[in-house]
Amino acid sequence: MRLEAKNISFKYSSNGKSILKDVSMHIDEGERVGIVGPSGYGKSTLAKLMAGYLTPMSGSVLLDGKPLRGKGVCPVQLIYQHPEKAINPRWKMGRVLEESGFMNEELLSRLGIEKQWLTRFPRELSGGELQRFCVARSLFEGTRFLIADEMSTMLDVITQAQLWNVVLNEAEKRNMGLIVVTHNQHLAERVCTRIIDLSLINNEVHSQSEIAEVCL
């Protein structure tokens, strides 16, 4: 299975600055691709486009040659840097997990999720605890590609290690494709099989010049 972006361009307003222009890339199942670079070069925008949360102004995002979004839970899952923005504040955490239609007790245990947390609201948990739920929710049985956008940046070192160990283990066991969006070059080098510096790929957009097609 392959996830690909074909000649995608994007800007947040019709008269705004281009964030991405004519960018093409692909990732196959089993690959772990790191996307690095400074702020402002479109890393998070690319992540949202690849996960179907944004629609490109031109070009397309395809899963095995077909449009990404269809019926049911999407096989491409995105984990944000800020978990509080990805969880409905009016839902208890048990319902948050049920949203994906999947609750694996063994996986919850490996992520350090305690059973009593399932009856709590998001405001009653820390950022690290919430991010554990976001990771668990993203790893439902139908996930084929996982995009981690600065997933562990705001977390303590112990929680970072625990979450990455689970994600990497599940990716290898299930042959999932993994895109790691990060400022941390060291992290990308440790967990990824390929690394792309988006500041080099997308530099011409920021100088307002034409950008050539880029394949990752």
N, C-alpha and C. Protein backbone atom coordinates (compact mmCIF):
# COMPACT_ATOMS: atom_id res chain seq x y z
N MET A 1 0.85 -1.20 0.00
CA MET A 1 0.00 0.00 0.00
C MET A 1 0.88 1.25 0.00
N ARG A 2 0.49 2.26 -0.72
CA ARG A 2 1.27 3.49 -0.85
C ARG A 2 0.39 4.72 -0.58
N LEU A 3 0.93 5.65 0.19
CA LEU A 3 0.32 6.96 0.41
C LEU A 3 1.15 7.98 -0.36
N GLU A 4 0.49 8.78 -1.20
CA GLU A 4 1.26 9.73 -1.99
C GLU A 4 0.54 11.06 -2.18
N ALA A 5 1.35 12.08 -2.28
CA ALA A 5 0.88 13.41 -2.65
C ALA A 5 1.37 13.70 -4.06
N LYS A 6 0.47 14.13 -4.92
CA LYS A 6 0.83 14.38 -6.31
C LYS A 6 0.62 15.85 -6.65
N ASN A 7 1.75 16.55 -6.82
CA ASN A 7 1.73 17.95 -7.26
C ASN A 7 0.82 18.83 -6.41
N ILE A 8 0.91 18.67 -5.08
CA ILE A 8 0.03 19.45 -4.21
C ILE A 8 0.57 20.85 -3.96
N SER A 9 -0.34 21.79 -3.96
CA SER A 9 -0.04 23.18 -3.61
C SER A 9 -1.06 23.62 -2.57
N PHE A 10 -0.62 24.53 -1.69
CA PHE A 10 -1.54 24.96 -0.63
C PHE A 10 -1.15 26.33 -0.11
N LYS A 11 -2.19 27.15 0.14
CA LYS A 11 -2.05 28.41 0.88
C LYS A 11 -3.30 28.56 1.74
N TYR A 12 -3.19 29.28 2.85
CA TYR A 12 -4.30 29.36 3.79
C TYR A 12 -5.35 30.40 3.42
N SER A 13 -5.04 31.26 2.47
CA SER A 13 -6.04 32.20 1.95
C SER A 13 -5.73 32.44 0.48
N SER A 14 -6.75 32.83 -0.26
CA SER A 14 -6.59 32.96 -1.70
C SER A 14 -5.54 34.00 -2.09
N ASN A 15 -5.37 35.02 -1.26
CA ASN A 15 -4.37 36.05 -1.57
C ASN A 15 -3.15 35.95 -0.66
N GLY A 16 -3.02 34.81 0.05
CA GLY A 16 -1.91 34.63 0.97
C GLY A 16 -0.69 34.03 0.29
N LYS A 17 0.35 33.84 1.09
CA LYS A 17 1.61 33.28 0.60
C LYS A 17 1.48 31.76 0.45
N SER A 18 2.06 31.22 -0.61
CA SER A 18 2.05 29.77 -0.80
C SER A 18 2.86 29.10 0.29
N ILE A 19 2.29 28.04 0.87
CA ILE A 19 3.00 27.26 1.87
C ILE A 19 3.72 26.09 1.20
N LEU A 20 3.04 25.42 0.27
CA LEU A 20 3.59 24.33 -0.52
C LEU A 20 3.19 24.57 -1.97
N LYS A 21 4.07 24.20 -2.89
CA LYS A 21 3.75 24.40 -4.30
C LYS A 21 4.31 23.26 -5.15
N ASP A 22 3.39 22.55 -5.83
CA ASP A 22 3.74 21.46 -6.74
C ASP A 22 4.65 20.42 -6.08
N VAL A 23 4.33 20.05 -4.87
CA VAL A 23 5.12 19.06 -4.14
C VAL A 23 4.54 17.66 -4.35
N SER A 24 5.41 16.72 -4.70
CA SER A 24 5.02 15.33 -4.84
C SER A 24 5.88 14.47 -3.93
N MET A 25 5.26 13.49 -3.27
CA MET A 25 5.99 12.59 -2.40
C MET A 25 5.20 11.30 -2.25
N HIS A 26 5.87 10.26 -1.76
CA HIS A 26 5.16 9.03 -1.46
C HIS A 26 5.85 8.31 -0.32
N ILE A 27 5.08 7.46 0.36
CA ILE A 27 5.61 6.59 1.40
C ILE A 27 4.90 5.26 1.28
N ASP A 28 5.67 4.20 1.35
CA ASP A 28 5.12 2.85 1.28
C ASP A 28 4.97 2.26 2.67
N GLU A 29 4.12 1.26 2.78
CA GLU A 29 3.98 0.56 4.05
C GLU A 29 5.35 0.03 4.50
N GLY A 30 5.59 0.12 5.80
CA GLY A 30 6.85 -0.37 6.34
C GLY A 30 7.95 0.66 6.37
N GLU A 31 7.79 1.78 5.68
CA GLU A 31 8.80 2.84 5.70
C GLU A 31 8.61 3.75 6.90
N ARG A 32 9.70 4.37 7.34
CA ARG A 32 9.66 5.38 8.39
C ARG A 32 10.39 6.61 7.87
N VAL A 33 9.63 7.63 7.52
CA VAL A 33 10.18 8.82 6.87
C VAL A 33 10.14 10.01 7.84
N GLY A 34 11.30 10.64 8.03
CA GLY A 34 11.36 11.83 8.87
C GLY A 34 11.27 13.09 8.02
N ILE A 35 10.43 14.03 8.44
CA ILE A 35 10.34 15.34 7.79
C ILE A 35 10.82 16.37 8.80
N VAL A 36 11.97 16.99 8.52
CA VAL A 36 12.57 17.94 9.45
C VAL A 36 12.68 19.31 8.79
N GLY A 37 13.05 20.31 9.60
CA GLY A 37 13.22 21.66 9.08
C GLY A 37 12.68 22.67 10.08
N PRO A 38 13.07 23.94 9.92
CA PRO A 38 12.63 24.98 10.85
C PRO A 38 11.15 25.31 10.68
N SER A 39 10.62 26.05 11.63
CA SER A 39 9.22 26.47 11.57
C SER A 39 8.99 27.33 10.34
N GLY A 40 7.79 27.23 9.79
CA GLY A 40 7.40 28.09 8.69
C GLY A 40 7.61 27.51 7.30
N TYR A 41 8.12 26.30 7.21
CA TYR A 41 8.38 25.71 5.91
C TYR A 41 7.34 24.67 5.49
N GLY A 42 6.26 24.55 6.26
CA GLY A 42 5.14 23.74 5.81
C GLY A 42 5.10 22.31 6.31
N LYS A 43 5.87 21.97 7.35
CA LYS A 43 5.87 20.59 7.84
C LYS A 43 4.50 20.16 8.34
N SER A 44 3.90 20.95 9.23
CA SER A 44 2.59 20.58 9.78
C SER A 44 1.51 20.66 8.72
N THR A 45 1.62 21.61 7.80
CA THR A 45 0.66 21.70 6.70
C THR A 45 0.72 20.46 5.83
N LEU A 46 1.93 20.01 5.52
CA LEU A 46 2.08 18.79 4.74
C LEU A 46 1.49 17.59 5.47
N ALA A 47 1.71 17.53 6.79
CA ALA A 47 1.15 16.43 7.58
C ALA A 47 -0.37 16.41 7.51
N LYS A 48 -0.99 17.58 7.65
CA LYS A 48 -2.45 17.66 7.61
C LYS A 48 -3.00 17.31 6.23
N LEU A 49 -2.29 17.71 5.19
CA LEU A 49 -2.71 17.37 3.83
C LEU A 49 -2.62 15.86 3.61
N MET A 50 -1.53 15.26 4.06
CA MET A 50 -1.34 13.82 3.86
C MET A 50 -2.34 12.99 4.66
N ALA A 51 -2.84 13.56 5.77
CA ALA A 51 -3.84 12.85 6.58
C ALA A 51 -5.27 13.18 6.19
N GLY A 52 -5.45 14.09 5.25
CA GLY A 52 -6.78 14.43 4.79
C GLY A 52 -7.50 15.48 5.62
N TYR A 53 -6.78 16.14 6.54
CA TYR A 53 -7.39 17.18 7.36
C TYR A 53 -7.48 18.51 6.62
N LEU A 54 -6.66 18.69 5.61
CA LEU A 54 -6.73 19.84 4.72
C LEU A 54 -6.86 19.34 3.29
N THR A 55 -7.45 20.17 2.43
CA THR A 55 -7.59 19.84 1.02
C THR A 55 -6.65 20.71 0.20
N PRO A 56 -5.80 20.12 -0.62
CA PRO A 56 -4.87 20.94 -1.42
C PRO A 56 -5.62 21.84 -2.39
N MET A 57 -5.04 22.99 -2.67
CA MET A 57 -5.64 23.89 -3.65
C MET A 57 -5.52 23.30 -5.05
N SER A 58 -4.48 22.54 -5.27
CA SER A 58 -4.31 21.80 -6.52
C SER A 58 -3.52 20.53 -6.21
N GLY A 59 -3.62 19.57 -7.09
CA GLY A 59 -2.99 18.28 -6.84
C GLY A 59 -3.90 17.39 -6.01
N SER A 60 -3.37 16.24 -5.58
CA SER A 60 -4.21 15.29 -4.86
C SER A 60 -3.38 14.43 -3.91
N VAL A 61 -4.06 13.90 -2.89
CA VAL A 61 -3.47 12.93 -1.97
C VAL A 61 -4.18 11.60 -2.21
N LEU A 62 -3.39 10.56 -2.48
CA LEU A 62 -3.95 9.28 -2.89
C LEU A 62 -3.48 8.15 -1.98
N LEU A 63 -4.35 7.20 -1.75
CA LEU A 63 -4.01 5.98 -1.03
C LEU A 63 -4.23 4.82 -2.00
N ASP A 64 -3.13 4.20 -2.41
CA ASP A 64 -3.17 3.16 -3.43
C ASP A 64 -3.88 3.64 -4.70
N GLY A 65 -3.58 4.88 -5.08
CA GLY A 65 -4.10 5.43 -6.32
C GLY A 65 -5.51 5.97 -6.27
N LYS A 66 -6.15 5.93 -5.09
CA LYS A 66 -7.52 6.42 -4.95
C LYS A 66 -7.56 7.58 -3.96
N PRO A 67 -8.54 8.48 -4.08
CA PRO A 67 -8.65 9.59 -3.13
C PRO A 67 -8.65 9.09 -1.69
N LEU A 68 -7.97 9.80 -0.82
CA LEU A 68 -7.75 9.33 0.54
C LEU A 68 -9.03 9.17 1.33
N ARG A 69 -9.84 10.20 1.39
CA ARG A 69 -11.00 10.17 2.27
C ARG A 69 -12.15 9.38 1.68
N GLY A 70 -12.68 8.46 2.48
CA GLY A 70 -13.84 7.68 2.08
C GLY A 70 -14.72 7.47 3.29
N LYS A 71 -15.51 6.41 3.28
CA LYS A 71 -16.39 6.13 4.40
C LYS A 71 -15.60 5.45 5.53
N GLY A 72 -16.09 5.62 6.75
CA GLY A 72 -15.47 4.95 7.89
C GLY A 72 -14.25 5.69 8.41
N VAL A 73 -13.54 5.05 9.35
CA VAL A 73 -12.36 5.64 9.95
C VAL A 73 -11.21 5.61 8.95
N CYS A 74 -10.50 6.71 8.83
CA CYS A 74 -9.44 6.83 7.83
C CYS A 74 -8.25 5.95 8.20
N PRO A 75 -7.68 5.20 7.24
CA PRO A 75 -6.50 4.38 7.51
C PRO A 75 -5.22 5.18 7.67
N VAL A 76 -5.29 6.49 7.45
CA VAL A 76 -4.15 7.38 7.72
C VAL A 76 -4.50 8.21 8.94
N GLN A 77 -3.72 8.07 10.00
CA GLN A 77 -4.00 8.74 11.26
C GLN A 77 -2.92 9.76 11.59
N LEU A 78 -3.34 10.89 12.16
CA LEU A 78 -2.44 11.99 12.51
C LEU A 78 -2.46 12.22 14.01
N ILE A 79 -1.26 12.29 14.61
CA ILE A 79 -1.13 12.64 16.02
C ILE A 79 -0.53 14.03 16.11
N TYR A 80 -1.26 14.96 16.76
CA TYR A 80 -0.82 16.35 16.88
C TYR A 80 0.16 16.53 18.04
N GLN A 81 0.84 17.67 18.00
CA GLN A 81 1.72 18.06 19.11
C GLN A 81 0.93 18.37 20.36
N HIS A 82 -0.25 18.99 20.20
CA HIS A 82 -1.06 19.43 21.33
C HIS A 82 -2.31 18.55 21.44
N PRO A 83 -2.30 17.55 22.32
CA PRO A 83 -3.42 16.60 22.39
C PRO A 83 -4.73 17.24 22.81
N GLU A 84 -4.67 18.32 23.59
CA GLU A 84 -5.91 18.96 24.05
C GLU A 84 -6.72 19.53 22.90
N LYS A 85 -6.05 19.80 21.75
CA LYS A 85 -6.76 20.33 20.59
C LYS A 85 -7.37 19.22 19.73
N ALA A 86 -7.01 17.97 20.03
CA ALA A 86 -7.48 16.85 19.22
C ALA A 86 -8.56 16.03 19.91
N ILE A 87 -8.94 16.43 21.13
CA ILE A 87 -9.89 15.66 21.92
C ILE A 87 -11.09 16.53 22.27
N ASN A 88 -12.29 16.00 22.11
CA ASN A 88 -13.51 16.72 22.45
C ASN A 88 -13.56 16.93 23.98
N PRO A 89 -13.52 18.17 24.44
CA PRO A 89 -13.47 18.42 25.90
C PRO A 89 -14.72 17.98 26.64
N ARG A 90 -15.81 17.71 25.92
CA ARG A 90 -17.07 17.30 26.57
C ARG A 90 -17.20 15.79 26.69
N TRP A 91 -16.24 15.05 26.13
CA TRP A 91 -16.28 13.59 26.18
C TRP A 91 -15.38 13.06 27.27
N LYS A 92 -15.84 12.01 27.94
CA LYS A 92 -14.96 11.29 28.84
C LYS A 92 -13.99 10.45 28.00
N MET A 93 -12.85 10.10 28.60
CA MET A 93 -11.77 9.50 27.83
C MET A 93 -12.13 8.13 27.26
N GLY A 94 -13.00 7.39 27.92
CA GLY A 94 -13.45 6.13 27.37
C GLY A 94 -14.14 6.32 26.03
N ARG A 95 -14.95 7.37 25.93
CA ARG A 95 -15.64 7.65 24.68
C ARG A 95 -14.66 8.11 23.60
N VAL A 96 -13.62 8.81 24.01
CA VAL A 96 -12.59 9.25 23.06
C VAL A 96 -11.99 8.03 22.35
N LEU A 97 -11.70 6.99 23.13
CA LEU A 97 -11.15 5.77 22.53
C LEU A 97 -12.18 5.04 21.68
N GLU A 98 -13.42 5.02 22.14
CA GLU A 98 -14.47 4.33 21.40
C GLU A 98 -14.75 4.98 20.05
N GLU A 99 -14.31 6.23 19.89
CA GLU A 99 -14.52 6.94 18.63
C GLU A 99 -13.90 6.17 17.46
N SER A 100 -12.79 5.51 17.71
CA SER A 100 -12.14 4.74 16.65
C SER A 100 -12.72 3.34 16.51
N GLY A 101 -13.62 2.96 17.42
CA GLY A 101 -14.22 1.63 17.38
C GLY A 101 -13.28 0.54 17.82
N PHE A 102 -12.26 0.91 18.60
CA PHE A 102 -11.25 -0.08 18.97
C PHE A 102 -10.67 0.25 20.34
N MET A 103 -10.66 -0.75 21.24
CA MET A 103 -10.04 -0.56 22.53
C MET A 103 -9.28 -1.84 22.91
N ASN A 104 -7.97 -1.78 22.84
CA ASN A 104 -7.11 -2.93 23.10
C ASN A 104 -6.48 -2.76 24.48
N GLU A 105 -6.88 -3.57 25.44
CA GLU A 105 -6.41 -3.41 26.81
C GLU A 105 -4.90 -3.61 26.93
N GLU A 106 -4.36 -4.53 26.15
CA GLU A 106 -2.92 -4.76 26.20
C GLU A 106 -2.15 -3.53 25.71
N LEU A 107 -2.65 -2.91 24.65
CA LEU A 107 -2.02 -1.70 24.13
C LEU A 107 -2.14 -0.55 25.13
N LEU A 108 -3.32 -0.41 25.74
CA LEU A 108 -3.50 0.65 26.74
C LEU A 108 -2.53 0.48 27.89
N SER A 109 -2.30 -0.76 28.29
CA SER A 109 -1.37 -1.03 29.38
C SER A 109 0.05 -0.64 29.00
N ARG A 110 0.46 -0.97 27.78
CA ARG A 110 1.81 -0.63 27.32
C ARG A 110 2.01 0.87 27.21
N LEU A 111 0.93 1.59 26.95
CA LEU A 111 1.00 3.05 26.87
C LEU A 111 0.92 3.71 28.24
N GLY A 112 0.71 2.93 29.28
CA GLY A 112 0.64 3.48 30.63
C GLY A 112 -0.68 4.13 30.95
N ILE A 113 -1.74 3.76 30.23
CA ILE A 113 -3.07 4.32 30.48
C ILE A 113 -3.74 3.53 31.60
N GLU A 114 -4.11 4.23 32.66
CA GLU A 114 -4.75 3.58 33.81
C GLU A 114 -6.26 3.52 33.60
N LYS A 115 -6.88 2.45 34.09
CA LYS A 115 -8.31 2.23 33.85
C LYS A 115 -9.17 3.35 34.40
N GLN A 116 -8.78 3.93 35.53
CA GLN A 116 -9.60 4.99 36.12
C GLN A 116 -9.61 6.26 35.27
N TRP A 117 -8.64 6.40 34.38
CA TRP A 117 -8.62 7.57 33.51
C TRP A 117 -9.76 7.55 32.50
N LEU A 118 -10.29 6.37 32.20
CA LEU A 118 -11.33 6.24 31.18
C LEU A 118 -12.61 6.97 31.57
N THR A 119 -12.83 7.19 32.86
CA THR A 119 -14.04 7.85 33.32
C THR A 119 -13.83 9.35 33.55
N ARG A 120 -12.65 9.84 33.22
CA ARG A 120 -12.35 11.25 33.45
C ARG A 120 -12.53 12.08 32.18
N PHE A 121 -12.71 13.39 32.37
CA PHE A 121 -12.75 14.33 31.26
C PHE A 121 -11.33 14.80 30.93
N PRO A 122 -11.09 15.27 29.72
CA PRO A 122 -9.74 15.72 29.34
C PRO A 122 -9.12 16.72 30.31
N ARG A 123 -9.92 17.64 30.85
CA ARG A 123 -9.39 18.65 31.76
C ARG A 123 -8.82 18.06 33.05
N GLU A 124 -9.17 16.82 33.32
CA GLU A 124 -8.72 16.17 34.55
C GLU A 124 -7.41 15.40 34.38
N LEU A 125 -6.85 15.44 33.16
CA LEU A 125 -5.61 14.73 32.87
C LEU A 125 -4.52 15.69 32.42
N SER A 126 -3.28 15.28 32.56
CA SER A 126 -2.14 16.09 32.12
C SER A 126 -1.96 15.96 30.61
N GLY A 127 -1.10 16.81 30.04
CA GLY A 127 -0.83 16.73 28.61
C GLY A 127 -0.24 15.39 28.20
N GLY A 128 0.67 14.87 29.03
CA GLY A 128 1.26 13.57 28.73
C GLY A 128 0.24 12.45 28.77
N GLU A 129 -0.68 12.51 29.73
CA GLU A 129 -1.73 11.50 29.82
C GLU A 129 -2.67 11.57 28.62
N LEU A 130 -3.01 12.79 28.21
CA LEU A 130 -3.87 12.96 27.04
C LEU A 130 -3.21 12.44 25.77
N GLN A 131 -1.89 12.69 25.65
CA GLN A 131 -1.21 12.24 24.44
C GLN A 131 -1.17 10.72 24.36
N ARG A 132 -1.13 10.04 25.50
CA ARG A 132 -1.20 8.58 25.49
C ARG A 132 -2.51 8.12 24.86
N PHE A 133 -3.61 8.82 25.16
CA PHE A 133 -4.90 8.47 24.57
C PHE A 133 -4.90 8.74 23.07
N CYS A 134 -4.29 9.84 22.65
CA CYS A 134 -4.24 10.15 21.22
C CYS A 134 -3.47 9.08 20.45
N VAL A 135 -2.38 8.61 21.03
CA VAL A 135 -1.62 7.54 20.40
C VAL A 135 -2.45 6.26 20.33
N ALA A 136 -3.09 5.90 21.45
CA ALA A 136 -3.92 4.69 21.48
C ALA A 136 -5.04 4.77 20.43
N ARG A 137 -5.70 5.91 20.35
CA ARG A 137 -6.80 6.07 19.40
C ARG A 137 -6.32 5.94 17.96
N SER A 138 -5.11 6.42 17.68
CA SER A 138 -4.59 6.38 16.32
C SER A 138 -4.17 5.00 15.87
N LEU A 139 -3.94 4.09 16.83
CA LEU A 139 -3.43 2.76 16.51
C LEU A 139 -4.54 1.71 16.44
N PHE A 140 -5.70 2.09 15.93
CA PHE A 140 -6.77 1.11 15.78
C PHE A 140 -6.39 0.12 14.67
N GLU A 141 -7.13 -0.96 14.56
CA GLU A 141 -6.75 -2.07 13.69
C GLU A 141 -6.61 -1.68 12.22
N GLY A 142 -7.36 -0.66 11.78
CA GLY A 142 -7.34 -0.31 10.37
C GLY A 142 -6.27 0.70 9.98
N THR A 143 -5.46 1.16 10.89
CA THR A 143 -4.42 2.14 10.59
C THR A 143 -3.33 1.51 9.74
N ARG A 144 -3.05 2.11 8.58
CA ARG A 144 -1.99 1.64 7.70
C ARG A 144 -0.83 2.62 7.64
N PHE A 145 -1.13 3.91 7.88
CA PHE A 145 -0.09 4.94 7.92
C PHE A 145 -0.33 5.84 9.12
N LEU A 146 0.73 6.14 9.84
CA LEU A 146 0.65 7.00 11.01
C LEU A 146 1.56 8.20 10.81
N ILE A 147 1.00 9.39 11.02
CA ILE A 147 1.77 10.63 10.90
C ILE A 147 1.88 11.25 12.28
N ALA A 148 3.09 11.35 12.80
CA ALA A 148 3.33 11.91 14.14
C ALA A 148 3.94 13.29 13.98
N ASP A 149 3.13 14.32 14.23
CA ASP A 149 3.58 15.71 14.06
C ASP A 149 4.03 16.26 15.40
N GLU A 150 5.35 16.25 15.65
CA GLU A 150 5.92 16.72 16.92
C GLU A 150 5.20 16.04 18.10
N MET A 151 4.98 14.75 17.96
CA MET A 151 4.17 14.00 18.91
C MET A 151 4.67 14.09 20.35
N SER A 152 5.98 14.14 20.54
CA SER A 152 6.54 14.06 21.89
C SER A 152 7.25 15.32 22.36
N THR A 153 7.15 16.39 21.59
CA THR A 153 7.92 17.61 21.88
C THR A 153 7.62 18.18 23.27
N MET A 154 6.36 18.15 23.70
CA MET A 154 5.95 18.80 24.94
C MET A 154 6.00 17.87 26.15
N LEU A 155 6.53 16.65 25.97
CA LEU A 155 6.46 15.63 27.01
C LEU A 155 7.80 15.44 27.71
N ASP A 156 7.76 14.88 28.92
CA ASP A 156 8.99 14.58 29.63
C ASP A 156 9.70 13.40 28.96
N VAL A 157 10.98 13.23 29.28
CA VAL A 157 11.81 12.24 28.59
C VAL A 157 11.28 10.82 28.75
N ILE A 158 10.81 10.47 29.94
CA ILE A 158 10.32 9.12 30.19
C ILE A 158 9.07 8.83 29.35
N THR A 159 8.15 9.80 29.32
CA THR A 159 6.93 9.62 28.52
C THR A 159 7.26 9.55 27.04
N GLN A 160 8.19 10.38 26.58
CA GLN A 160 8.62 10.34 25.18
C GLN A 160 9.09 8.94 24.81
N ALA A 161 9.97 8.39 25.64
CA ALA A 161 10.53 7.07 25.34
C ALA A 161 9.44 6.00 25.31
N GLN A 162 8.52 6.06 26.26
CA GLN A 162 7.46 5.07 26.32
C GLN A 162 6.57 5.11 25.08
N LEU A 163 6.18 6.31 24.67
CA LEU A 163 5.30 6.44 23.51
C LEU A 163 5.99 6.00 22.23
N TRP A 164 7.25 6.42 22.06
CA TRP A 164 7.97 6.03 20.84
C TRP A 164 8.22 4.53 20.79
N ASN A 165 8.50 3.92 21.91
CA ASN A 165 8.69 2.47 21.93
C ASN A 165 7.44 1.75 21.45
N VAL A 166 6.27 2.20 21.92
CA VAL A 166 5.01 1.57 21.51
C VAL A 166 4.75 1.80 20.03
N VAL A 167 4.91 3.05 19.58
CA VAL A 167 4.63 3.38 18.18
C VAL A 167 5.54 2.60 17.24
N LEU A 168 6.84 2.56 17.54
CA LEU A 168 7.78 1.85 16.67
C LEU A 168 7.51 0.35 16.67
N ASN A 169 7.17 -0.19 17.83
CA ASN A 169 6.85 -1.61 17.91
C ASN A 169 5.63 -1.96 17.08
N GLU A 170 4.58 -1.13 17.18
CA GLU A 170 3.35 -1.38 16.43
C GLU A 170 3.59 -1.20 14.93
N ALA A 171 4.38 -0.19 14.56
CA ALA A 171 4.67 0.05 13.15
C ALA A 171 5.40 -1.14 12.53
N GLU A 172 6.36 -1.69 13.27
CA GLU A 172 7.12 -2.83 12.75
C GLU A 172 6.24 -4.09 12.71
N LYS A 173 5.49 -4.32 13.77
CA LYS A 173 4.66 -5.52 13.85
C LYS A 173 3.58 -5.54 12.77
N ARG A 174 3.03 -4.37 12.48
CA ARG A 174 1.90 -4.29 11.55
C ARG A 174 2.30 -3.78 10.17
N ASN A 175 3.62 -3.55 9.97
CA ASN A 175 4.14 -3.06 8.69
C ASN A 175 3.49 -1.75 8.27
N MET A 176 3.27 -0.86 9.23
CA MET A 176 2.67 0.44 8.95
C MET A 176 3.73 1.40 8.40
N GLY A 177 3.29 2.33 7.59
CA GLY A 177 4.13 3.44 7.20
C GLY A 177 4.08 4.50 8.29
N LEU A 178 5.23 5.13 8.57
CA LEU A 178 5.31 6.12 9.65
C LEU A 178 6.00 7.38 9.14
N ILE A 179 5.32 8.51 9.25
CA ILE A 179 5.92 9.81 8.94
C ILE A 179 6.14 10.54 10.25
N VAL A 180 7.39 10.93 10.50
CA VAL A 180 7.76 11.62 11.73
C VAL A 180 8.10 13.07 11.40
N VAL A 181 7.23 13.98 11.80
CA VAL A 181 7.45 15.41 11.59
C VAL A 181 8.09 15.97 12.86
N THR A 182 9.29 16.54 12.74
CA THR A 182 9.99 16.96 13.95
C THR A 182 11.05 18.02 13.66
N HIS A 183 11.34 18.84 14.69
CA HIS A 183 12.50 19.74 14.65
C HIS A 183 13.75 19.01 15.12
N ASN A 184 13.56 17.86 15.73
CA ASN A 184 14.65 17.14 16.40
C ASN A 184 15.36 16.20 15.42
N GLN A 185 16.49 16.66 14.90
CA GLN A 185 17.26 15.87 13.94
C GLN A 185 17.72 14.54 14.55
N HIS A 186 18.09 14.58 15.82
CA HIS A 186 18.57 13.38 16.49
C HIS A 186 17.46 12.32 16.57
N LEU A 187 16.24 12.74 16.90
CA LEU A 187 15.11 11.82 16.94
C LEU A 187 14.87 11.21 15.57
N ALA A 188 14.86 12.05 14.54
CA ALA A 188 14.63 11.55 13.18
C ALA A 188 15.67 10.52 12.78
N GLU A 189 16.93 10.78 13.12
CA GLU A 189 18.00 9.85 12.77
C GLU A 189 17.86 8.52 13.50
N ARG A 190 17.31 8.55 14.70
CA ARG A 190 17.18 7.33 15.48
C ARG A 190 16.03 6.44 15.01
N VAL A 191 14.92 7.06 14.60
CA VAL A 191 13.72 6.26 14.33
C VAL A 191 13.37 6.10 12.85
N CYS A 192 13.99 6.87 11.97
CA CYS A 192 13.56 6.88 10.56
C CYS A 192 14.54 6.18 9.63
N THR A 193 14.00 5.64 8.55
CA THR A 193 14.82 5.02 7.52
C THR A 193 15.21 6.02 6.44
N ARG A 194 14.48 7.12 6.31
CA ARG A 194 14.85 8.21 5.41
C ARG A 194 14.49 9.53 6.07
N ILE A 195 15.26 10.57 5.78
CA ILE A 195 15.02 11.89 6.35
C ILE A 195 14.97 12.92 5.24
N ILE A 196 13.96 13.77 5.29
CA ILE A 196 13.79 14.84 4.30
C ILE A 196 13.84 16.19 5.01
N ASP A 197 14.70 17.08 4.56
CA ASP A 197 14.77 18.44 5.11
C ASP A 197 13.85 19.34 4.28
N LEU A 198 12.70 19.69 4.84
CA LEU A 198 11.71 20.44 4.08
C LEU A 198 12.17 21.87 3.78
N SER A 199 13.13 22.39 4.55
CA SER A 199 13.65 23.73 4.26
C SER A 199 14.42 23.73 2.94
N LEU A 200 14.99 22.60 2.55
CA LEU A 200 15.66 22.49 1.25
C LEU A 200 14.66 22.24 0.13
N ILE A 201 13.69 21.38 0.41
CA ILE A 201 12.66 21.06 -0.58
C ILE A 201 11.79 22.26 -0.90
N ASN A 202 11.40 22.99 0.12
CA ASN A 202 10.39 24.03 -0.03
C ASN A 202 10.99 25.43 0.03
N ASN A 203 12.30 25.55 -0.09
CA ASN A 203 12.96 26.84 0.07
C ASN A 203 12.55 27.85 -0.98
N GLU A 204 12.34 27.38 -2.23
CA GLU A 204 12.02 28.32 -3.31
C GLU A 204 10.65 28.95 -3.14
N VAL A 205 9.74 28.25 -2.45
CA VAL A 205 8.44 28.85 -2.16
C VAL A 205 8.63 30.09 -1.30
N HIS A 206 9.54 30.01 -0.35
CA HIS A 206 9.75 31.12 0.57
C HIS A 206 10.52 32.27 -0.06
N SER A 207 11.15 32.01 -1.21
CA SER A 207 11.78 33.11 -1.95
C SER A 207 10.89 33.57 -3.09
N GLN A 208 9.64 33.04 -3.08
CA GLN A 208 8.63 33.41 -4.07
C GLN A 208 9.01 33.01 -5.49
N SER A 209 9.83 31.97 -5.66
CA SER A 209 10.18 31.45 -6.96
C SER A 209 9.42 30.16 -7.23
N GLU A 210 9.50 29.68 -8.45
CA GLU A 210 8.82 28.44 -8.82
C GLU A 210 9.58 27.26 -8.23
N ILE A 211 8.85 26.28 -7.69
CA ILE A 211 9.48 25.09 -7.13
C ILE A 211 9.25 23.91 -8.04
N ALA A 212 10.28 23.13 -8.27
CA ALA A 212 10.16 21.96 -9.12
C ALA A 212 9.54 20.81 -8.36
N GLU A 213 9.07 19.81 -9.08
CA GLU A 213 8.49 18.65 -8.43
C GLU A 213 9.56 17.97 -7.57
N VAL A 214 9.13 17.56 -6.37
CA VAL A 214 10.04 16.91 -5.44
C VAL A 214 9.48 15.54 -5.09
N CYS A 215 10.27 14.52 -5.18
CA CYS A 215 9.86 13.18 -4.77
C CYS A 215 10.69 12.76 -3.57
N LEU A 216 10.00 12.33 -2.49
CA LEU A 216 10.71 11.86 -1.31
C LEU A 216 11.14 10.42 -1.54
